[in-house]
Structure formats: C-alpha cells, structure tokens
Amino acid sequence: MPFNFTKRQKWTWVWLLSIITLVGPFTSSILSPAIDTVNKEVGDVSETIGSLTVTIYLLGNVVGPVLVDPLSEIYGRRPVLNISNRSFCVWQISCALATNIETLNVCRFFSGVSGAACLVGISGRLPPQ
C-alpha cells in the first residue's frame, strides 16, 4: 500500500516510473533523424515508407490504451505494466534486429502498443475509499 511507504520509497517509485514513462514517447521520435540511414540500410528508397516507420509507432500508441486500460482495470496495474514493459523491450530488440522495412514497421507498431501501457497505467488514480 503506497500510503504506508517511507518518503524514500515513494520518491524512488516516482523516479523509476517517471523514467519508464519517459522512454515511450522518447522512442517515438528517436528514429526520425536517422530515417535516411535506415532507408539505405534496409534497401528502401521511398520517403513515404520511411516516414511511416516513425508514424506507425504513434499509431501503436493510439491503439495501446484501448487494449491496456481495460486489462489494468481487470487484472491490476502491476501485472499489466510488467508484461507491457517486457514486451516493449522484446519489440525494441526486434526493431534493432529487423532486416527489412516491413519487419521494422510491424515491430515499431507493437512496440508502440506495449509502450503505451506506461502512459495509461501510471496515473494519479487513488484507490477507492
């Protein structure tokens, strides 16, 4: 119960959850300066597909809360955040190992879906009184 935490525990949790929440939006825009390099590496020449690679993560961020929020209400925030954070890491590794643009786009979409859990699940909701 967070109300029983010491001040140090509370601030530790605030910082950890803040950092985790920062990573999701940071991941959405970190690829944009390197789109030309990514296009050359995967052999794609279309600028539209390259910009889709950035945009598709945000599409995942739109779809993610629709899936994650009801699950966190049913099963609780902790298991949903744990699974989503692990899934986010797996999809990010998959993005790094992608050899073509299609794989990269699919991995970025699912990374956006699982990255949205921190934006939805970590909020200031108080427990029912």
N, C-alpha and C. Protein backbone atom coordinates (compact mmCIF):
# COMPACT_ATOMS: atom_id res chain seq x y z
N MET A 1 0.84 -1.18 0.00
CA MET A 1 0.00 0.00 0.00
C MET A 1 0.89 1.24 0.00
N PRO A 2 0.82 2.06 -1.04
CA PRO A 2 1.71 3.22 -1.16
C PRO A 2 1.58 4.23 -0.02
N PHE A 3 0.42 4.28 0.62
CA PHE A 3 0.27 5.22 1.73
C PHE A 3 1.16 4.85 2.91
N ASN A 4 1.60 3.61 2.99
CA ASN A 4 2.46 3.14 4.07
C ASN A 4 3.94 3.20 3.71
N PHE A 5 4.30 3.63 2.50
CA PHE A 5 5.70 3.72 2.10
C PHE A 5 6.41 4.82 2.85
N THR A 6 7.71 4.63 3.02
CA THR A 6 8.52 5.71 3.57
C THR A 6 8.69 6.78 2.48
N LYS A 7 9.16 7.93 2.88
CA LYS A 7 9.35 9.01 1.91
C LYS A 7 10.36 8.60 0.83
N ARG A 8 11.39 7.89 1.25
CA ARG A 8 12.41 7.44 0.29
C ARG A 8 11.81 6.46 -0.72
N GLN A 9 10.99 5.52 -0.26
CA GLN A 9 10.35 4.57 -1.16
C GLN A 9 9.43 5.28 -2.14
N LYS A 10 8.69 6.25 -1.65
CA LYS A 10 7.78 6.99 -2.53
C LYS A 10 8.55 7.69 -3.64
N TRP A 11 9.64 8.38 -3.28
CA TRP A 11 10.40 9.10 -4.29
C TRP A 11 11.13 8.16 -5.23
N THR A 12 11.57 7.02 -4.73
CA THR A 12 12.19 6.02 -5.61
C THR A 12 11.20 5.55 -6.66
N TRP A 13 9.99 5.24 -6.23
CA TRP A 13 8.96 4.81 -7.18
C TRP A 13 8.59 5.92 -8.15
N VAL A 14 8.52 7.14 -7.67
CA VAL A 14 8.20 8.27 -8.56
C VAL A 14 9.26 8.39 -9.64
N TRP A 15 10.52 8.33 -9.28
CA TRP A 15 11.59 8.46 -10.27
C TRP A 15 11.64 7.28 -11.23
N LEU A 16 11.50 6.07 -10.72
CA LEU A 16 11.52 4.90 -11.60
C LEU A 16 10.37 4.92 -12.60
N LEU A 17 9.18 5.22 -12.12
CA LEU A 17 8.03 5.26 -13.01
C LEU A 17 8.10 6.43 -13.98
N SER A 18 8.68 7.53 -13.56
CA SER A 18 8.85 8.67 -14.45
C SER A 18 9.81 8.35 -15.58
N ILE A 19 10.90 7.66 -15.26
CA ILE A 19 11.87 7.29 -16.29
C ILE A 19 11.25 6.30 -17.27
N ILE A 20 10.52 5.32 -16.75
CA ILE A 20 9.87 4.35 -17.63
C ILE A 20 8.86 5.06 -18.54
N THR A 21 8.13 6.01 -17.99
CA THR A 21 7.14 6.73 -18.78
C THR A 21 7.80 7.64 -19.82
N LEU A 22 8.97 8.13 -19.54
CA LEU A 22 9.69 8.97 -20.49
C LEU A 22 10.18 8.18 -21.70
N VAL A 23 10.52 6.93 -21.51
CA VAL A 23 11.09 6.12 -22.59
C VAL A 23 10.11 5.94 -23.75
N GLY A 24 8.83 5.76 -23.45
CA GLY A 24 7.84 5.53 -24.51
C GLY A 24 7.76 6.66 -25.53
N PRO A 25 7.47 7.88 -25.12
CA PRO A 25 7.45 8.99 -26.08
C PRO A 25 8.82 9.28 -26.71
N PHE A 26 9.88 9.05 -25.96
CA PHE A 26 11.23 9.26 -26.50
C PHE A 26 11.48 8.31 -27.66
N THR A 27 11.00 7.09 -27.53
CA THR A 27 11.19 6.09 -28.58
C THR A 27 10.45 6.46 -29.85
N SER A 28 9.34 7.17 -29.71
CA SER A 28 8.58 7.53 -30.90
C SER A 28 9.35 8.47 -31.81
N SER A 29 10.13 9.36 -31.25
CA SER A 29 10.80 10.37 -32.07
C SER A 29 12.29 10.13 -32.28
N ILE A 30 12.87 9.17 -31.61
CA ILE A 30 14.31 8.97 -31.70
C ILE A 30 14.75 8.48 -33.08
N LEU A 31 13.85 7.84 -33.80
CA LEU A 31 14.19 7.30 -35.11
C LEU A 31 14.16 8.35 -36.22
N SER A 32 13.43 9.43 -36.04
CA SER A 32 13.22 10.39 -37.13
C SER A 32 14.51 11.00 -37.70
N PRO A 33 15.53 11.33 -36.92
CA PRO A 33 16.74 11.86 -37.55
C PRO A 33 17.51 10.83 -38.38
N ALA A 34 17.26 9.55 -38.14
CA ALA A 34 18.02 8.51 -38.82
C ALA A 34 17.24 7.81 -39.93
N ILE A 35 16.13 8.38 -40.37
CA ILE A 35 15.30 7.72 -41.38
C ILE A 35 16.07 7.48 -42.67
N ASP A 36 16.86 8.43 -43.12
CA ASP A 36 17.62 8.24 -44.36
C ASP A 36 18.60 7.08 -44.22
N THR A 37 19.25 7.00 -43.08
CA THR A 37 20.19 5.90 -42.83
C THR A 37 19.46 4.56 -42.78
N VAL A 38 18.32 4.54 -42.12
CA VAL A 38 17.53 3.30 -42.04
C VAL A 38 17.08 2.88 -43.43
N ASN A 39 16.62 3.83 -44.24
CA ASN A 39 16.18 3.51 -45.61
C ASN A 39 17.32 2.91 -46.43
N LYS A 40 18.51 3.46 -46.29
CA LYS A 40 19.65 2.91 -47.02
C LYS A 40 20.01 1.52 -46.51
N GLU A 41 19.94 1.32 -45.21
CA GLU A 41 20.34 0.04 -44.61
C GLU A 41 19.40 -1.10 -45.00
N VAL A 42 18.10 -0.81 -45.05
CA VAL A 42 17.14 -1.87 -45.38
C VAL A 42 16.84 -1.94 -46.87
N GLY A 43 17.42 -1.04 -47.65
CA GLY A 43 17.26 -1.09 -49.10
C GLY A 43 15.97 -0.48 -49.60
N ASP A 44 15.34 0.35 -48.81
CA ASP A 44 14.10 1.00 -49.21
C ASP A 44 14.42 2.42 -49.67
N VAL A 45 13.79 2.87 -50.75
CA VAL A 45 14.08 4.20 -51.25
C VAL A 45 12.90 5.17 -51.11
N SER A 46 11.76 4.70 -50.67
CA SER A 46 10.57 5.53 -50.58
C SER A 46 10.58 6.37 -49.30
N GLU A 47 10.42 7.68 -49.46
CA GLU A 47 10.35 8.56 -48.29
C GLU A 47 9.05 8.35 -47.52
N THR A 48 8.00 7.99 -48.24
CA THR A 48 6.71 7.76 -47.59
C THR A 48 6.79 6.58 -46.62
N ILE A 49 7.39 5.51 -47.05
CA ILE A 49 7.53 4.34 -46.18
C ILE A 49 8.46 4.68 -45.02
N GLY A 50 9.47 5.48 -45.28
CA GLY A 50 10.37 5.89 -44.20
C GLY A 50 9.66 6.72 -43.15
N SER A 51 8.81 7.64 -43.57
CA SER A 51 8.08 8.43 -42.59
C SER A 51 7.00 7.60 -41.91
N LEU A 52 6.50 6.57 -42.58
CA LEU A 52 5.54 5.66 -41.96
C LEU A 52 6.19 4.93 -40.78
N THR A 53 7.48 4.68 -40.88
CA THR A 53 8.20 4.00 -39.80
C THR A 53 8.14 4.81 -38.51
N VAL A 54 8.19 6.11 -38.62
CA VAL A 54 8.07 6.97 -37.44
C VAL A 54 6.62 7.04 -36.98
N THR A 55 5.72 7.19 -37.93
CA THR A 55 4.31 7.38 -37.62
C THR A 55 3.65 6.13 -37.05
N ILE A 56 4.08 4.97 -37.49
CA ILE A 56 3.41 3.74 -37.07
C ILE A 56 3.57 3.49 -35.57
N TYR A 57 4.65 3.96 -34.99
CA TYR A 57 4.81 3.85 -33.54
C TYR A 57 3.71 4.64 -32.83
N LEU A 58 3.42 5.82 -33.34
CA LEU A 58 2.37 6.65 -32.74
C LEU A 58 1.00 6.02 -32.93
N LEU A 59 0.81 5.33 -34.04
CA LEU A 59 -0.44 4.59 -34.24
C LEU A 59 -0.58 3.50 -33.18
N GLY A 60 0.52 2.84 -32.87
CA GLY A 60 0.51 1.86 -31.78
C GLY A 60 0.21 2.51 -30.44
N ASN A 61 0.69 3.72 -30.23
CA ASN A 61 0.37 4.45 -29.01
C ASN A 61 -1.10 4.82 -28.92
N VAL A 62 -1.76 4.93 -30.05
CA VAL A 62 -3.19 5.21 -30.07
C VAL A 62 -3.99 3.95 -29.76
N VAL A 63 -3.58 2.83 -30.33
CA VAL A 63 -4.28 1.56 -30.14
C VAL A 63 -4.00 0.98 -28.75
N GLY A 64 -2.81 1.18 -28.24
CA GLY A 64 -2.39 0.60 -26.96
C GLY A 64 -3.31 0.87 -25.79
N PRO A 65 -3.68 2.13 -25.53
CA PRO A 65 -4.55 2.39 -24.38
C PRO A 65 -5.90 1.71 -24.46
N VAL A 66 -6.41 1.50 -25.66
CA VAL A 66 -7.70 0.82 -25.82
C VAL A 66 -7.60 -0.62 -25.32
N LEU A 67 -6.43 -1.23 -25.47
CA LEU A 67 -6.22 -2.60 -25.02
C LEU A 67 -5.74 -2.68 -23.58
N VAL A 68 -4.85 -1.77 -23.22
CA VAL A 68 -4.17 -1.86 -21.93
C VAL A 68 -5.03 -1.39 -20.76
N ASP A 69 -5.77 -0.32 -20.95
CA ASP A 69 -6.53 0.23 -19.84
C ASP A 69 -7.59 -0.73 -19.29
N PRO A 70 -8.39 -1.38 -20.13
CA PRO A 70 -9.33 -2.36 -19.56
C PRO A 70 -8.63 -3.52 -18.85
N LEU A 71 -7.49 -3.95 -19.40
CA LEU A 71 -6.75 -5.04 -18.75
C LEU A 71 -6.22 -4.61 -17.39
N SER A 72 -5.78 -3.36 -17.27
CA SER A 72 -5.27 -2.91 -15.98
C SER A 72 -6.40 -2.73 -14.97
N GLU A 73 -7.61 -2.48 -15.43
CA GLU A 73 -8.74 -2.39 -14.51
C GLU A 73 -9.17 -3.78 -14.03
N ILE A 74 -9.01 -4.78 -14.88
CA ILE A 74 -9.41 -6.14 -14.53
C ILE A 74 -8.34 -6.85 -13.69
N TYR A 75 -7.09 -6.80 -14.16
CA TYR A 75 -6.01 -7.57 -13.53
C TYR A 75 -5.12 -6.75 -12.61
N GLY A 76 -5.29 -5.45 -12.60
CA GLY A 76 -4.43 -4.59 -11.80
C GLY A 76 -3.32 -3.99 -12.65
N ARG A 77 -2.75 -2.90 -12.17
CA ARG A 77 -1.74 -2.21 -12.95
C ARG A 77 -0.40 -2.93 -12.96
N ARG A 78 -0.05 -3.53 -11.85
CA ARG A 78 1.28 -4.13 -11.74
C ARG A 78 1.54 -5.24 -12.76
N PRO A 79 0.66 -6.27 -12.87
CA PRO A 79 0.95 -7.30 -13.86
C PRO A 79 0.90 -6.78 -15.30
N VAL A 80 -0.01 -5.87 -15.56
CA VAL A 80 -0.11 -5.33 -16.92
C VAL A 80 1.14 -4.51 -17.26
N LEU A 81 1.62 -3.70 -16.33
CA LEU A 81 2.84 -2.94 -16.58
C LEU A 81 4.06 -3.84 -16.74
N ASN A 82 4.15 -4.88 -15.91
CA ASN A 82 5.28 -5.80 -16.04
C ASN A 82 5.29 -6.48 -17.40
N ILE A 83 4.15 -6.99 -17.81
CA ILE A 83 4.08 -7.67 -19.11
C ILE A 83 4.33 -6.68 -20.24
N SER A 84 3.75 -5.50 -20.14
CA SER A 84 3.92 -4.49 -21.20
C SER A 84 5.36 -4.02 -21.29
N ASN A 85 6.02 -3.81 -20.17
CA ASN A 85 7.42 -3.37 -20.21
C ASN A 85 8.33 -4.44 -20.78
N ARG A 86 8.08 -5.68 -20.44
CA ARG A 86 8.88 -6.77 -21.02
C ARG A 86 8.61 -6.89 -22.52
N SER A 87 7.36 -6.78 -22.88
CA SER A 87 7.00 -6.82 -24.30
C SER A 87 7.63 -5.66 -25.05
N PHE A 88 7.63 -4.49 -24.45
CA PHE A 88 8.26 -3.31 -25.06
C PHE A 88 9.74 -3.58 -25.34
N CYS A 89 10.43 -4.17 -24.39
CA CYS A 89 11.85 -4.48 -24.57
C CYS A 89 12.06 -5.49 -25.70
N VAL A 90 11.22 -6.51 -25.74
CA VAL A 90 11.34 -7.53 -26.79
C VAL A 90 11.11 -6.90 -28.17
N TRP A 91 10.10 -6.04 -28.29
CA TRP A 91 9.81 -5.42 -29.57
C TRP A 91 10.91 -4.43 -29.96
N GLN A 92 11.51 -3.77 -29.01
CA GLN A 92 12.61 -2.85 -29.32
C GLN A 92 13.84 -3.62 -29.82
N ILE A 93 14.11 -4.75 -29.20
CA ILE A 93 15.21 -5.60 -29.68
C ILE A 93 14.91 -6.09 -31.09
N SER A 94 13.64 -6.45 -31.32
CA SER A 94 13.24 -6.88 -32.66
C SER A 94 13.41 -5.76 -33.68
N CYS A 95 13.13 -4.53 -33.28
CA CYS A 95 13.36 -3.39 -34.18
C CYS A 95 14.84 -3.27 -34.53
N ALA A 96 15.68 -3.46 -33.55
CA ALA A 96 17.12 -3.35 -33.79
C ALA A 96 17.63 -4.44 -34.71
N LEU A 97 17.01 -5.61 -34.67
CA LEU A 97 17.45 -6.74 -35.47
C LEU A 97 16.71 -6.85 -36.80
N ALA A 98 15.77 -5.96 -37.08
CA ALA A 98 14.98 -6.04 -38.32
C ALA A 98 15.88 -5.87 -39.54
N THR A 99 15.64 -6.71 -40.53
CA THR A 99 16.45 -6.66 -41.75
C THR A 99 15.71 -6.04 -42.92
N ASN A 100 14.41 -5.83 -42.79
CA ASN A 100 13.66 -5.16 -43.86
C ASN A 100 12.68 -4.17 -43.24
N ILE A 101 12.13 -3.32 -44.09
CA ILE A 101 11.28 -2.24 -43.61
C ILE A 101 9.95 -2.75 -43.08
N GLU A 102 9.44 -3.85 -43.64
CA GLU A 102 8.17 -4.40 -43.17
C GLU A 102 8.29 -4.90 -41.74
N THR A 103 9.36 -5.61 -41.46
CA THR A 103 9.59 -6.12 -40.11
C THR A 103 9.77 -4.96 -39.13
N LEU A 104 10.49 -3.96 -39.55
CA LEU A 104 10.70 -2.80 -38.70
C LEU A 104 9.38 -2.10 -38.38
N ASN A 105 8.51 -1.97 -39.38
CA ASN A 105 7.23 -1.31 -39.15
C ASN A 105 6.33 -2.12 -38.23
N VAL A 106 6.30 -3.42 -38.40
CA VAL A 106 5.48 -4.27 -37.52
C VAL A 106 6.00 -4.21 -36.09
N CYS A 107 7.31 -4.30 -35.94
CA CYS A 107 7.90 -4.25 -34.60
C CYS A 107 7.69 -2.89 -33.94
N ARG A 108 7.77 -1.82 -34.71
CA ARG A 108 7.53 -0.48 -34.14
C ARG A 108 6.08 -0.31 -33.72
N PHE A 109 5.15 -0.88 -34.49
CA PHE A 109 3.75 -0.79 -34.11
C PHE A 109 3.50 -1.48 -32.77
N PHE A 110 3.97 -2.72 -32.64
CA PHE A 110 3.75 -3.44 -31.39
C PHE A 110 4.55 -2.85 -30.24
N SER A 111 5.66 -2.25 -30.54
CA SER A 111 6.41 -1.53 -29.52
C SER A 111 5.61 -0.33 -29.02
N GLY A 112 4.93 0.35 -29.93
CA GLY A 112 4.06 1.46 -29.54
C GLY A 112 2.88 1.02 -28.71
N VAL A 113 2.31 -0.13 -29.06
CA VAL A 113 1.18 -0.67 -28.29
C VAL A 113 1.62 -0.98 -26.87
N SER A 114 2.74 -1.67 -26.73
CA SER A 114 3.18 -2.03 -25.38
C SER A 114 3.80 -0.84 -24.65
N GLY A 115 4.34 0.13 -25.37
CA GLY A 115 4.88 1.33 -24.73
C GLY A 115 3.82 2.26 -24.18
N ALA A 116 2.59 2.12 -24.67
CA ALA A 116 1.50 2.98 -24.20
C ALA A 116 1.03 2.60 -22.81
N ALA A 117 1.40 1.43 -22.34
CA ALA A 117 0.95 0.98 -21.01
C ALA A 117 1.43 1.91 -19.91
N CYS A 118 2.63 2.43 -20.05
CA CYS A 118 3.14 3.34 -19.03
C CYS A 118 2.38 4.66 -19.03
N LEU A 119 1.97 5.10 -20.19
CA LEU A 119 1.22 6.35 -20.26
C LEU A 119 -0.18 6.19 -19.67
N VAL A 120 -0.73 5.00 -19.78
CA VAL A 120 -2.09 4.76 -19.30
C VAL A 120 -2.08 4.24 -17.87
N GLY A 121 -1.19 3.30 -17.58
CA GLY A 121 -1.23 2.60 -16.30
C GLY A 121 -0.64 3.36 -15.13
N ILE A 122 0.22 4.32 -15.40
CA ILE A 122 0.84 5.07 -14.32
C ILE A 122 0.13 6.42 -14.25
N SER A 123 -0.81 6.50 -13.37
CA SER A 123 -1.55 7.75 -13.25
C SER A 123 -1.78 8.05 -11.78
N GLY A 124 -2.43 9.13 -11.52
CA GLY A 124 -2.66 9.56 -10.15
C GLY A 124 -3.96 9.06 -9.57
N ARG A 125 -4.46 7.93 -10.06
CA ARG A 125 -5.71 7.40 -9.53
C ARG A 125 -5.52 6.95 -8.09
N LEU A 126 -6.39 7.38 -7.25
CA LEU A 126 -6.36 6.94 -5.86
C LEU A 126 -7.22 5.68 -5.71
N PRO A 127 -6.87 4.83 -4.78
CA PRO A 127 -7.69 3.65 -4.57
C PRO A 127 -9.07 4.04 -4.03
N PRO A 128 -10.09 3.21 -4.28
CA PRO A 128 -11.41 3.54 -3.77
C PRO A 128 -11.43 3.62 -2.25
N GLN A 129 -12.19 4.54 -1.73
CA GLN A 129 -12.27 4.73 -0.26
C GLN A 129 -13.37 3.89 0.32
